[in-house]
N, C-alpha and C. Protein backbone atom coordinates (compact mmCIF):
# COMPACT_ATOMS: atom_id res chain seq x y z
N UNK A 1 85.30 83.94 40.92
CA UNK A 1 84.10 83.26 41.39
C UNK A 1 83.12 84.49 41.86
N UNK A 2 81.89 84.23 41.38
CA UNK A 2 80.94 85.28 41.63
C UNK A 2 80.25 84.88 43.09
N UNK A 3 80.04 85.83 43.71
CA UNK A 3 79.19 85.60 45.17
C UNK A 3 77.87 85.85 44.69
N UNK A 4 76.90 85.52 45.51
CA UNK A 4 75.47 85.83 45.25
C UNK A 4 75.36 87.35 45.15
N UNK A 5 76.01 88.08 45.92
CA UNK A 5 75.96 89.55 46.00
C UNK A 5 76.37 90.05 44.75
N UNK A 6 77.37 89.68 44.12
CA UNK A 6 77.88 90.13 42.98
C UNK A 6 76.96 89.81 41.79
N UNK A 7 76.36 88.57 41.74
CA UNK A 7 75.30 88.23 40.81
C UNK A 7 73.98 89.06 40.97
N UNK A 8 73.68 89.33 42.11
CA UNK A 8 72.54 90.38 42.40
C UNK A 8 72.75 91.61 42.05
N UNK A 9 73.94 92.25 42.17
CA UNK A 9 74.33 93.51 41.60
C UNK A 9 74.40 93.58 40.04
N UNK A 10 75.05 92.55 39.57
CA UNK A 10 74.98 92.41 37.98
C UNK A 10 73.51 92.33 37.41
N UNK A 11 72.73 91.63 38.09
CA UNK A 11 71.29 91.47 37.74
C UNK A 11 70.64 92.97 37.77
N UNK A 12 70.90 93.71 38.95
CA UNK A 12 70.23 95.07 39.08
C UNK A 12 70.76 95.95 38.03
N UNK A 13 71.98 95.92 37.66
CA UNK A 13 72.59 96.69 36.74
C UNK A 13 72.09 96.48 35.29
N UNK A 14 71.75 94.98 34.80
CA UNK A 14 71.17 94.71 33.64
C UNK A 14 69.61 95.27 33.57
N UNK A 15 68.95 95.08 34.86
CA UNK A 15 67.78 95.59 34.91
C UNK A 15 67.49 96.98 34.64
N UNK A 16 68.41 97.89 35.41
CA UNK A 16 68.66 99.29 35.25
C UNK A 16 68.84 99.70 33.86
N UNK A 17 69.72 99.05 33.02
CA UNK A 17 69.88 99.33 31.62
C UNK A 17 68.73 99.03 30.67
N UNK A 18 67.82 97.95 31.07
CA UNK A 18 66.72 97.58 30.24
C UNK A 18 65.73 98.60 30.71
N UNK A 19 65.63 99.07 31.95
CA UNK A 19 64.81 100.18 32.41
C UNK A 19 64.96 101.41 31.58
N UNK A 20 66.28 101.81 31.46
CA UNK A 20 66.54 103.14 30.73
C UNK A 20 66.22 102.87 29.30
N UNK A 21 66.35 101.81 28.84
CA UNK A 21 66.13 101.72 27.41
C UNK A 21 64.64 101.68 27.05
N UNK A 22 63.72 101.14 28.00
CA UNK A 22 62.31 101.12 27.94
C UNK A 22 61.87 102.81 28.14
N UNK A 23 62.50 103.42 28.92
CA UNK A 23 62.28 104.75 29.03
C UNK A 23 62.61 105.55 27.81
N UNK A 24 63.76 105.47 27.17
CA UNK A 24 64.23 106.01 26.16
C UNK A 24 63.02 105.77 24.95
N UNK A 25 62.72 104.64 24.66
CA UNK A 25 61.83 104.36 23.62
C UNK A 25 60.47 104.96 23.99
N UNK A 26 60.04 104.87 25.27
CA UNK A 26 58.63 105.40 25.56
C UNK A 26 58.65 106.76 25.50
N UNK A 27 59.59 107.56 25.98
CA UNK A 27 59.73 108.91 25.89
C UNK A 27 59.94 109.52 24.50
N UNK A 28 60.75 108.75 23.70
CA UNK A 28 60.85 109.24 22.21
C UNK A 28 59.60 109.10 21.60
N UNK A 29 58.90 108.01 21.83
CA UNK A 29 57.46 107.87 21.31
C UNK A 29 56.58 108.93 21.51
N UNK A 30 56.50 109.18 23.03
CA UNK A 30 55.63 110.36 23.41
C UNK A 30 55.94 111.69 22.74
N UNK A 31 57.33 112.03 22.77
CA UNK A 31 57.74 113.30 22.14
C UNK A 31 57.35 113.26 20.61
N UNK A 32 57.55 112.28 19.87
CA UNK A 32 57.09 112.16 18.48
C UNK A 32 55.73 112.27 18.22
N UNK A 33 54.92 111.61 19.14
CA UNK A 33 53.55 111.67 19.14
C UNK A 33 53.02 113.31 19.23
N UNK A 34 53.57 113.90 20.12
CA UNK A 34 53.24 115.34 20.36
C UNK A 34 53.61 116.17 19.23
N UNK A 35 54.92 115.91 18.73
CA UNK A 35 55.39 116.78 17.62
C UNK A 35 54.60 116.50 16.37
N UNK A 36 54.04 115.18 16.26
CA UNK A 36 53.37 114.97 14.94
C UNK A 36 51.94 115.42 15.01
N UNK A 37 51.49 115.70 16.19
CA UNK A 37 49.98 116.08 16.56
C UNK A 37 49.73 117.52 15.64
N UNK A 38 50.82 118.25 15.67
CA UNK A 38 50.59 119.66 15.14
C UNK A 38 51.37 119.67 13.89
N UNK A 39 51.62 118.67 13.34
CA UNK A 39 52.34 118.83 12.04
C UNK A 39 53.77 119.60 12.08
N UNK A 40 54.60 119.40 13.18
CA UNK A 40 55.69 120.23 13.30
C UNK A 40 56.69 119.89 12.24
N UNK A 41 56.68 118.79 11.66
CA UNK A 41 57.70 118.20 10.72
C UNK A 41 58.96 117.84 11.25
N UNK A 42 58.80 117.72 12.56
CA UNK A 42 60.23 117.38 13.29
C UNK A 42 60.10 115.95 14.01
N UNK A 43 61.25 115.44 14.21
CA UNK A 43 61.00 114.05 14.85
C UNK A 43 62.43 113.85 15.70
N UNK A 44 62.14 113.30 16.80
CA UNK A 44 63.36 112.88 17.84
C UNK A 44 63.86 111.37 17.24
N UNK A 45 65.03 111.30 16.86
CA UNK A 45 65.61 110.03 16.38
C UNK A 45 66.58 109.47 17.50
N UNK A 46 67.28 110.48 18.24
CA UNK A 46 68.28 110.02 19.20
C UNK A 46 68.07 111.00 20.30
N UNK A 47 67.26 110.68 21.16
CA UNK A 47 66.78 111.43 22.33
C UNK A 47 67.87 112.10 23.14
N UNK A 48 69.09 111.49 23.25
CA UNK A 48 70.13 111.98 24.12
C UNK A 48 70.91 113.10 23.22
N UNK A 49 70.65 113.25 22.09
CA UNK A 49 71.34 114.07 21.24
C UNK A 49 70.46 115.16 20.65
N UNK A 50 69.30 114.93 20.28
CA UNK A 50 68.44 115.56 19.40
C UNK A 50 67.85 117.02 20.24
N UNK A 51 68.01 117.13 21.47
CA UNK A 51 67.55 118.43 22.13
C UNK A 51 68.73 119.46 22.38
N UNK A 52 69.89 119.02 22.21
CA UNK A 52 70.97 119.73 22.60
C UNK A 52 71.05 121.22 21.87
N UNK A 53 70.52 121.49 20.84
CA UNK A 53 70.30 122.89 20.37
C UNK A 53 69.17 123.72 20.90
N UNK A 54 68.29 123.10 21.44
CA UNK A 54 67.21 123.59 22.01
C UNK A 54 65.93 123.76 21.10
N UNK A 55 66.14 123.47 19.78
CA UNK A 55 65.02 123.76 18.97
C UNK A 55 64.08 122.73 19.01
N UNK A 56 64.28 121.43 19.11
CA UNK A 56 63.13 120.44 19.26
C UNK A 56 62.48 120.77 20.57
N UNK A 57 63.16 121.08 21.77
CA UNK A 57 62.50 121.20 23.09
C UNK A 57 61.65 122.46 22.87
N UNK A 58 61.91 123.42 22.24
CA UNK A 58 61.12 124.61 22.06
C UNK A 58 59.85 124.23 21.42
N UNK A 59 60.13 123.58 20.05
CA UNK A 59 58.90 123.15 19.36
C UNK A 59 57.96 122.34 20.11
N UNK A 60 58.43 121.39 20.92
CA UNK A 60 57.75 120.68 21.85
C UNK A 60 56.80 121.49 22.86
N UNK A 61 57.59 122.31 23.53
CA UNK A 61 56.96 123.30 24.40
C UNK A 61 55.94 124.15 23.78
N UNK A 62 56.16 124.66 22.65
CA UNK A 62 55.01 125.32 21.74
C UNK A 62 53.91 124.57 21.67
N UNK A 63 54.01 123.27 21.37
CA UNK A 63 52.84 122.32 21.21
C UNK A 63 51.98 122.06 22.46
N UNK A 64 52.85 121.76 23.52
CA UNK A 64 52.28 121.48 24.87
C UNK A 64 51.60 122.83 25.48
N UNK A 65 52.11 124.06 25.17
CA UNK A 65 51.58 125.01 25.81
C UNK A 65 51.27 126.22 24.85
N UNK A 66 50.45 126.06 23.80
CA UNK A 66 50.23 126.99 22.78
C UNK A 66 49.84 128.43 23.14
N UNK A 67 49.21 128.37 24.24
CA UNK A 67 48.60 129.74 24.70
C UNK A 67 49.62 130.55 25.34
N UNK A 68 50.71 129.92 25.79
CA UNK A 68 51.84 130.67 26.39
C UNK A 68 52.87 131.38 25.49
N UNK A 69 53.44 132.44 25.79
CA UNK A 69 54.30 133.13 24.98
C UNK A 69 55.76 132.58 25.28
N UNK A 70 56.29 131.96 24.16
CA UNK A 70 57.69 131.54 24.10
C UNK A 70 58.61 132.75 24.12
N UNK A 71 59.71 132.68 24.84
CA UNK A 71 60.72 133.66 24.66
C UNK A 71 61.52 133.55 23.27
N UNK A 72 62.13 134.66 22.63
CA UNK A 72 62.80 134.54 21.36
C UNK A 72 63.82 133.43 21.53
N UNK A 73 63.86 132.71 20.30
CA UNK A 73 65.02 131.76 20.24
C UNK A 73 65.46 131.70 18.81
N UNK A 74 66.62 130.97 18.65
CA UNK A 74 67.29 130.92 17.23
C UNK A 74 66.77 129.65 16.69
N UNK A 75 65.93 129.72 15.62
CA UNK A 75 65.44 128.47 14.92
C UNK A 75 66.52 127.66 14.11
N UNK A 76 67.63 128.41 13.71
CA UNK A 76 68.82 127.74 13.06
C UNK A 76 69.96 128.08 13.94
N UNK A 77 70.20 127.48 15.05
CA UNK A 77 71.29 127.96 15.93
C UNK A 77 72.64 127.57 15.53
N UNK A 78 73.69 128.47 15.95
CA UNK A 78 74.95 128.05 15.77
C UNK A 78 75.29 127.42 17.06
N UNK A 79 76.68 127.11 17.32
CA UNK A 79 76.93 126.29 18.47
C UNK A 79 76.68 127.01 19.80
N UNK A 80 76.94 128.29 19.80
CA UNK A 80 76.52 129.19 21.06
C UNK A 80 74.95 129.35 21.17
N UNK A 81 74.35 129.48 20.08
CA UNK A 81 72.87 129.56 20.08
C UNK A 81 72.10 128.62 20.83
N UNK A 82 72.70 127.40 20.59
CA UNK A 82 71.91 126.28 21.34
C UNK A 82 71.89 126.50 22.77
N UNK A 83 72.92 127.06 23.49
CA UNK A 83 72.77 127.19 24.99
C UNK A 83 71.74 128.25 25.14
N UNK A 84 71.78 129.35 24.40
CA UNK A 84 70.63 130.59 24.49
C UNK A 84 69.33 129.94 24.32
N UNK A 85 69.18 129.00 23.41
CA UNK A 85 67.97 128.45 23.28
C UNK A 85 67.45 127.67 24.34
N UNK A 86 68.39 126.70 24.88
CA UNK A 86 67.87 125.98 26.12
C UNK A 86 67.76 126.85 27.20
N UNK A 87 68.55 127.92 27.66
CA UNK A 87 68.28 128.74 28.52
C UNK A 87 66.85 129.42 28.51
N UNK A 88 66.43 129.96 27.08
CA UNK A 88 65.01 130.31 27.07
C UNK A 88 64.03 129.33 27.21
N UNK A 89 64.25 128.15 26.88
CA UNK A 89 63.16 127.05 27.00
C UNK A 89 63.11 126.73 28.74
N UNK A 90 64.26 126.67 29.40
CA UNK A 90 64.15 126.45 30.77
C UNK A 90 63.62 127.79 31.55
N UNK A 91 63.90 129.04 31.12
CA UNK A 91 63.30 130.07 31.70
C UNK A 91 61.73 129.94 31.33
N UNK A 92 61.22 129.47 30.32
CA UNK A 92 59.75 129.39 30.03
C UNK A 92 59.27 128.35 30.81
N UNK A 93 60.00 127.24 30.95
CA UNK A 93 59.22 126.05 31.82
C UNK A 93 59.24 126.33 33.33
N UNK A 94 60.30 127.11 33.79
CA UNK A 94 60.35 127.37 35.24
C UNK A 94 59.63 128.63 35.58
N UNK A 95 59.78 129.75 34.87
CA UNK A 95 59.19 131.12 35.37
C UNK A 95 57.75 131.28 34.75
N UNK A 96 57.65 130.77 33.46
CA UNK A 96 56.17 131.00 33.04
C UNK A 96 55.36 129.96 33.39
N UNK A 97 55.55 128.74 32.95
CA UNK A 97 54.75 127.50 33.29
C UNK A 97 54.78 126.87 34.50
N UNK A 98 55.76 127.32 35.28
CA UNK A 98 55.97 126.80 36.72
C UNK A 98 56.19 125.48 36.79
N UNK A 99 56.78 124.80 35.96
CA UNK A 99 57.31 123.38 35.96
C UNK A 99 58.43 123.28 37.05
N UNK A 100 58.25 122.54 38.15
CA UNK A 100 59.40 122.22 39.08
C UNK A 100 60.48 121.50 38.36
N UNK A 101 61.54 121.90 37.92
CA UNK A 101 62.71 121.16 37.35
C UNK A 101 63.77 121.09 38.31
N UNK A 102 63.77 120.10 39.18
CA UNK A 102 64.93 120.01 40.18
C UNK A 102 66.03 119.13 39.61
N UNK A 103 67.18 119.76 39.79
CA UNK A 103 68.45 119.08 39.38
C UNK A 103 68.64 118.80 37.77
N UNK A 104 67.85 119.57 36.93
CA UNK A 104 68.08 119.64 35.58
C UNK A 104 68.42 120.98 35.16
N UNK A 105 69.55 120.99 34.44
CA UNK A 105 70.04 122.42 33.93
C UNK A 105 70.22 122.18 32.31
N UNK A 106 70.12 123.54 31.75
CA UNK A 106 70.46 123.56 30.33
C UNK A 106 71.66 122.87 29.93
N UNK A 107 72.77 122.88 30.69
CA UNK A 107 74.10 122.29 30.54
C UNK A 107 74.06 120.64 30.44
N UNK A 108 73.10 120.08 31.23
CA UNK A 108 72.88 118.75 31.03
C UNK A 108 72.39 118.24 29.67
N UNK A 109 71.47 119.16 29.11
CA UNK A 109 71.03 118.76 27.85
C UNK A 109 72.07 118.88 26.68
N UNK A 110 72.84 120.04 26.97
CA UNK A 110 74.16 120.25 26.06
C UNK A 110 75.05 119.17 25.97
N UNK A 111 75.37 118.58 27.19
CA UNK A 111 76.22 117.55 27.41
C UNK A 111 75.60 116.21 27.05
N UNK A 112 74.25 116.17 26.57
CA UNK A 112 73.72 114.88 26.26
C UNK A 112 73.55 113.92 27.35
N UNK A 113 73.18 114.49 28.54
CA UNK A 113 73.06 113.64 29.74
C UNK A 113 71.75 112.98 29.59
N UNK A 114 71.76 111.73 29.27
CA UNK A 114 70.58 110.82 29.02
C UNK A 114 69.62 110.95 30.42
N UNK A 115 70.14 110.72 31.49
CA UNK A 115 69.39 110.64 32.74
C UNK A 115 68.62 111.94 32.85
N UNK A 116 69.24 113.12 32.82
CA UNK A 116 68.65 114.43 33.02
C UNK A 116 67.44 114.68 31.79
N UNK A 117 67.89 114.17 30.52
CA UNK A 117 66.77 114.40 29.46
C UNK A 117 65.63 113.51 29.64
N UNK A 118 65.74 112.45 30.15
CA UNK A 118 64.55 111.47 30.53
C UNK A 118 63.81 112.16 31.66
N UNK A 119 64.51 112.60 32.76
CA UNK A 119 63.89 113.35 33.81
C UNK A 119 63.18 114.61 33.37
N UNK A 120 63.77 115.49 32.53
CA UNK A 120 63.04 116.49 31.83
C UNK A 120 61.85 116.08 31.15
N UNK A 121 61.93 114.97 30.29
CA UNK A 121 60.74 114.56 29.63
C UNK A 121 59.66 114.05 30.51
N UNK A 122 59.88 113.36 31.60
CA UNK A 122 59.09 113.09 32.64
C UNK A 122 58.39 114.06 33.17
N UNK A 123 59.05 115.23 33.49
CA UNK A 123 58.39 116.45 34.11
C UNK A 123 57.34 116.82 33.27
N UNK A 124 57.72 116.99 31.95
CA UNK A 124 56.83 117.53 30.78
C UNK A 124 55.54 116.50 30.90
N UNK A 125 55.78 115.40 30.78
CA UNK A 125 54.65 114.35 30.83
C UNK A 125 53.72 114.46 32.04
N UNK A 126 54.34 114.68 33.28
CA UNK A 126 53.61 114.65 34.35
C UNK A 126 52.70 116.15 34.30
N UNK A 127 53.52 117.14 33.87
CA UNK A 127 52.88 118.52 33.97
C UNK A 127 51.80 118.62 33.08
N UNK A 128 51.88 118.24 31.82
CA UNK A 128 51.10 118.60 30.59
C UNK A 128 50.06 117.46 30.45
N UNK A 129 50.33 116.24 30.80
CA UNK A 129 49.52 115.06 30.44
C UNK A 129 48.86 114.41 31.51
N UNK A 130 49.71 114.19 32.74
CA UNK A 130 49.20 113.39 33.81
C UNK A 130 48.37 114.27 34.68
N UNK A 131 48.94 115.46 35.02
CA UNK A 131 48.27 116.34 35.93
C UNK A 131 47.65 117.39 35.26
N UNK A 132 47.16 117.50 33.96
CA UNK A 132 46.61 118.45 33.27
C UNK A 132 45.46 118.95 33.97
N UNK A 133 45.43 120.31 33.87
CA UNK A 133 44.26 120.80 34.51
C UNK A 133 44.47 121.03 35.97
N UNK A 134 45.85 120.73 36.53
CA UNK A 134 46.05 121.02 37.85
C UNK A 134 45.30 120.15 38.86
N UNK A 135 44.68 118.89 38.55
CA UNK A 135 44.14 118.08 39.35
C UNK A 135 45.33 117.00 39.64
N UNK A 136 46.11 117.34 40.67
CA UNK A 136 47.18 116.39 41.13
C UNK A 136 46.58 115.15 41.76
N UNK A 137 45.46 115.42 42.50
CA UNK A 137 44.73 114.26 43.30
C UNK A 137 44.30 113.24 42.35
N UNK A 138 43.79 113.70 41.13
CA UNK A 138 43.26 112.79 40.20
C UNK A 138 44.46 111.88 39.69
N UNK A 139 45.58 112.74 39.26
CA UNK A 139 46.83 111.90 38.99
C UNK A 139 47.18 110.88 39.94
N UNK A 140 47.21 111.22 41.10
CA UNK A 140 47.63 110.35 42.07
C UNK A 140 46.86 109.09 42.23
N UNK A 141 45.47 109.38 42.14
CA UNK A 141 44.44 108.26 42.19
C UNK A 141 44.78 107.47 41.00
N UNK A 142 45.00 107.94 39.66
CA UNK A 142 45.25 107.21 38.66
C UNK A 142 46.49 106.26 38.80
N UNK A 143 47.66 106.80 39.41
CA UNK A 143 48.70 106.13 39.64
C UNK A 143 48.50 104.97 40.71
N UNK A 144 47.71 105.37 41.78
CA UNK A 144 47.46 104.31 42.74
C UNK A 144 46.65 103.08 42.09
N UNK A 145 45.67 103.46 41.18
CA UNK A 145 45.04 102.53 40.60
C UNK A 145 45.86 101.54 39.85
N UNK A 146 46.80 102.17 39.11
CA UNK A 146 47.67 101.41 38.40
C UNK A 146 48.53 100.41 39.27
N UNK A 147 49.18 100.97 40.38
CA UNK A 147 49.87 100.18 41.17
C UNK A 147 48.99 99.02 41.69
N UNK A 148 47.82 99.37 42.22
CA UNK A 148 47.01 98.24 42.76
C UNK A 148 46.71 97.25 41.86
N UNK A 149 46.39 97.58 40.41
CA UNK A 149 46.24 96.57 39.48
C UNK A 149 47.41 95.70 39.36
N UNK A 150 48.73 95.93 39.80
CA UNK A 150 49.84 95.15 39.46
C UNK A 150 49.99 94.27 40.67
N UNK A 151 49.78 94.91 41.95
CA UNK A 151 49.88 94.35 43.13
C UNK A 151 48.73 94.33 44.02
N UNK A 152 47.55 93.69 43.57
CA UNK A 152 46.26 93.91 44.27
C UNK A 152 46.28 93.31 45.66
N UNK A 153 47.14 92.47 46.12
CA UNK A 153 47.14 91.95 47.31
C UNK A 153 47.86 92.74 48.47
N UNK A 154 48.27 93.86 47.98
CA UNK A 154 49.00 94.87 48.96
C UNK A 154 47.89 96.03 49.35
N UNK A 155 46.95 96.26 48.51
CA UNK A 155 45.87 97.21 48.85
C UNK A 155 46.55 98.41 49.22
N UNK A 156 47.20 99.02 48.37
CA UNK A 156 47.95 100.34 48.40
C UNK A 156 47.04 101.51 48.47
N UNK A 157 47.05 102.30 49.39
CA UNK A 157 46.12 103.51 49.53
C UNK A 157 46.77 104.87 49.58
N UNK A 158 48.06 104.93 49.59
CA UNK A 158 48.95 106.13 49.56
C UNK A 158 50.17 105.72 49.09
N UNK A 159 50.92 106.71 48.87
CA UNK A 159 52.43 106.66 48.58
C UNK A 159 53.40 107.15 49.62
N UNK A 160 52.90 107.15 50.81
CA UNK A 160 53.71 107.47 51.89
C UNK A 160 53.82 106.40 53.05
N UNK A 161 52.82 106.20 53.91
CA UNK A 161 52.98 105.33 54.82
C UNK A 161 52.86 103.81 54.35
N UNK A 162 52.11 103.56 53.23
CA UNK A 162 52.01 102.23 52.72
C UNK A 162 53.36 101.78 52.03
N UNK A 163 54.25 102.68 51.89
CA UNK A 163 55.64 102.46 51.38
C UNK A 163 56.69 102.31 52.30
N UNK A 164 56.50 102.74 53.52
CA UNK A 164 57.50 103.08 54.45
C UNK A 164 58.09 101.63 54.95
N UNK A 165 57.53 100.66 54.93
CA UNK A 165 58.21 99.19 55.34
C UNK A 165 58.91 98.78 54.19
N UNK A 166 58.63 99.06 52.85
CA UNK A 166 59.48 98.55 51.80
C UNK A 166 58.69 97.27 51.21
N UNK A 167 57.71 96.70 51.93
CA UNK A 167 57.14 95.68 51.41
C UNK A 167 56.24 95.88 50.04
N UNK A 168 55.72 97.00 49.96
CA UNK A 168 54.85 97.31 48.79
C UNK A 168 55.94 97.46 47.43
N UNK A 169 56.93 98.23 47.77
CA UNK A 169 57.94 98.32 46.71
C UNK A 169 58.55 96.94 46.40
N UNK A 170 58.74 96.07 47.27
CA UNK A 170 59.40 94.61 47.01
C UNK A 170 58.28 93.89 46.21
N UNK A 171 57.02 93.99 46.52
CA UNK A 171 56.09 93.50 45.74
C UNK A 171 55.91 93.85 44.29
N UNK A 172 56.20 95.26 44.18
CA UNK A 172 56.13 95.85 42.81
C UNK A 172 57.30 95.36 42.00
N UNK A 173 58.41 95.31 42.77
CA UNK A 173 59.69 94.79 41.92
C UNK A 173 59.53 93.34 41.54
N UNK A 174 58.87 92.58 42.46
CA UNK A 174 58.73 91.20 42.26
C UNK A 174 57.78 90.96 41.03
N UNK A 175 56.80 91.83 40.93
CA UNK A 175 55.77 91.77 39.90
C UNK A 175 56.44 92.13 38.49
N UNK A 176 57.40 93.19 38.55
CA UNK A 176 57.94 93.65 37.32
C UNK A 176 59.12 92.65 36.86
N UNK A 177 59.66 91.97 37.87
CA UNK A 177 60.73 90.98 37.62
C UNK A 177 60.41 89.81 38.37
N UNK A 178 59.55 88.98 37.91
CA UNK A 178 59.12 87.68 38.76
C UNK A 178 60.31 86.93 39.29
N UNK A 179 60.19 86.67 40.54
CA UNK A 179 61.17 85.81 40.97
C UNK A 179 62.42 86.41 41.71
N UNK A 180 62.40 87.80 41.63
CA UNK A 180 63.66 88.48 42.17
C UNK A 180 63.34 88.53 43.60
N UNK A 181 62.03 88.88 44.14
CA UNK A 181 61.77 89.02 45.56
C UNK A 181 60.68 88.12 45.80
N UNK A 182 60.70 86.87 45.61
CA UNK A 182 59.55 85.86 45.76
C UNK A 182 58.88 86.03 47.22
N UNK A 183 59.74 86.28 48.18
CA UNK A 183 59.22 86.08 49.58
C UNK A 183 58.87 87.57 50.05
N UNK A 184 58.59 88.48 49.39
CA UNK A 184 58.22 89.81 49.63
C UNK A 184 57.25 89.97 50.81
N UNK A 185 56.26 89.16 50.85
CA UNK A 185 55.02 89.20 51.94
C UNK A 185 55.67 88.71 53.25
N UNK A 186 56.79 87.95 53.31
CA UNK A 186 57.21 87.63 54.69
C UNK A 186 58.40 88.38 55.08
N UNK A 187 58.67 89.41 54.33
CA UNK A 187 59.92 90.27 54.81
C UNK A 187 59.42 90.94 55.99
N UNK A 188 60.66 91.16 56.86
CA UNK A 188 60.47 91.89 58.16
C UNK A 188 61.02 93.18 57.94
N UNK A 189 60.02 94.35 58.04
CA UNK A 189 60.64 95.55 57.78
C UNK A 189 61.32 95.99 59.04
């Protein structure tokens, strides 16, 4: 017999799987749109597998940062060369481009860790597209505008104190999955 807690956990797991699938499709489409812009002739078909030799990641980085010099890499890598390619790509992202990659390592990509690959792509999207030109305040305002368009009755003005009670997060969750937290406005933080 299921308890309400078990049903809630199962619902959250299903939501999490659906969310991961949305991210997988979205990030695959974003990556392919970038690769197609410059006629790289490459395409991601299985996002959790296609980066493991480093070649597609390096091709993507060359498109995103054409003015930066990429370290040498193997364009037709053997099994061991894939790790070398990924290490070169990570060195480029961290040391040259100064992209903060927390808790993501080349080994994660080699092991086809989908969560790490999605986080890596999110970092690239944030760095090269959302906060392009170094205007992080603009990116925050853009994100705040999006959140406020979803939950206008909450009047969110920042991502710190306005989120500390959990009410805004509950409202956003209820917006994304209507009925999951219908009483969010009457929650007692």
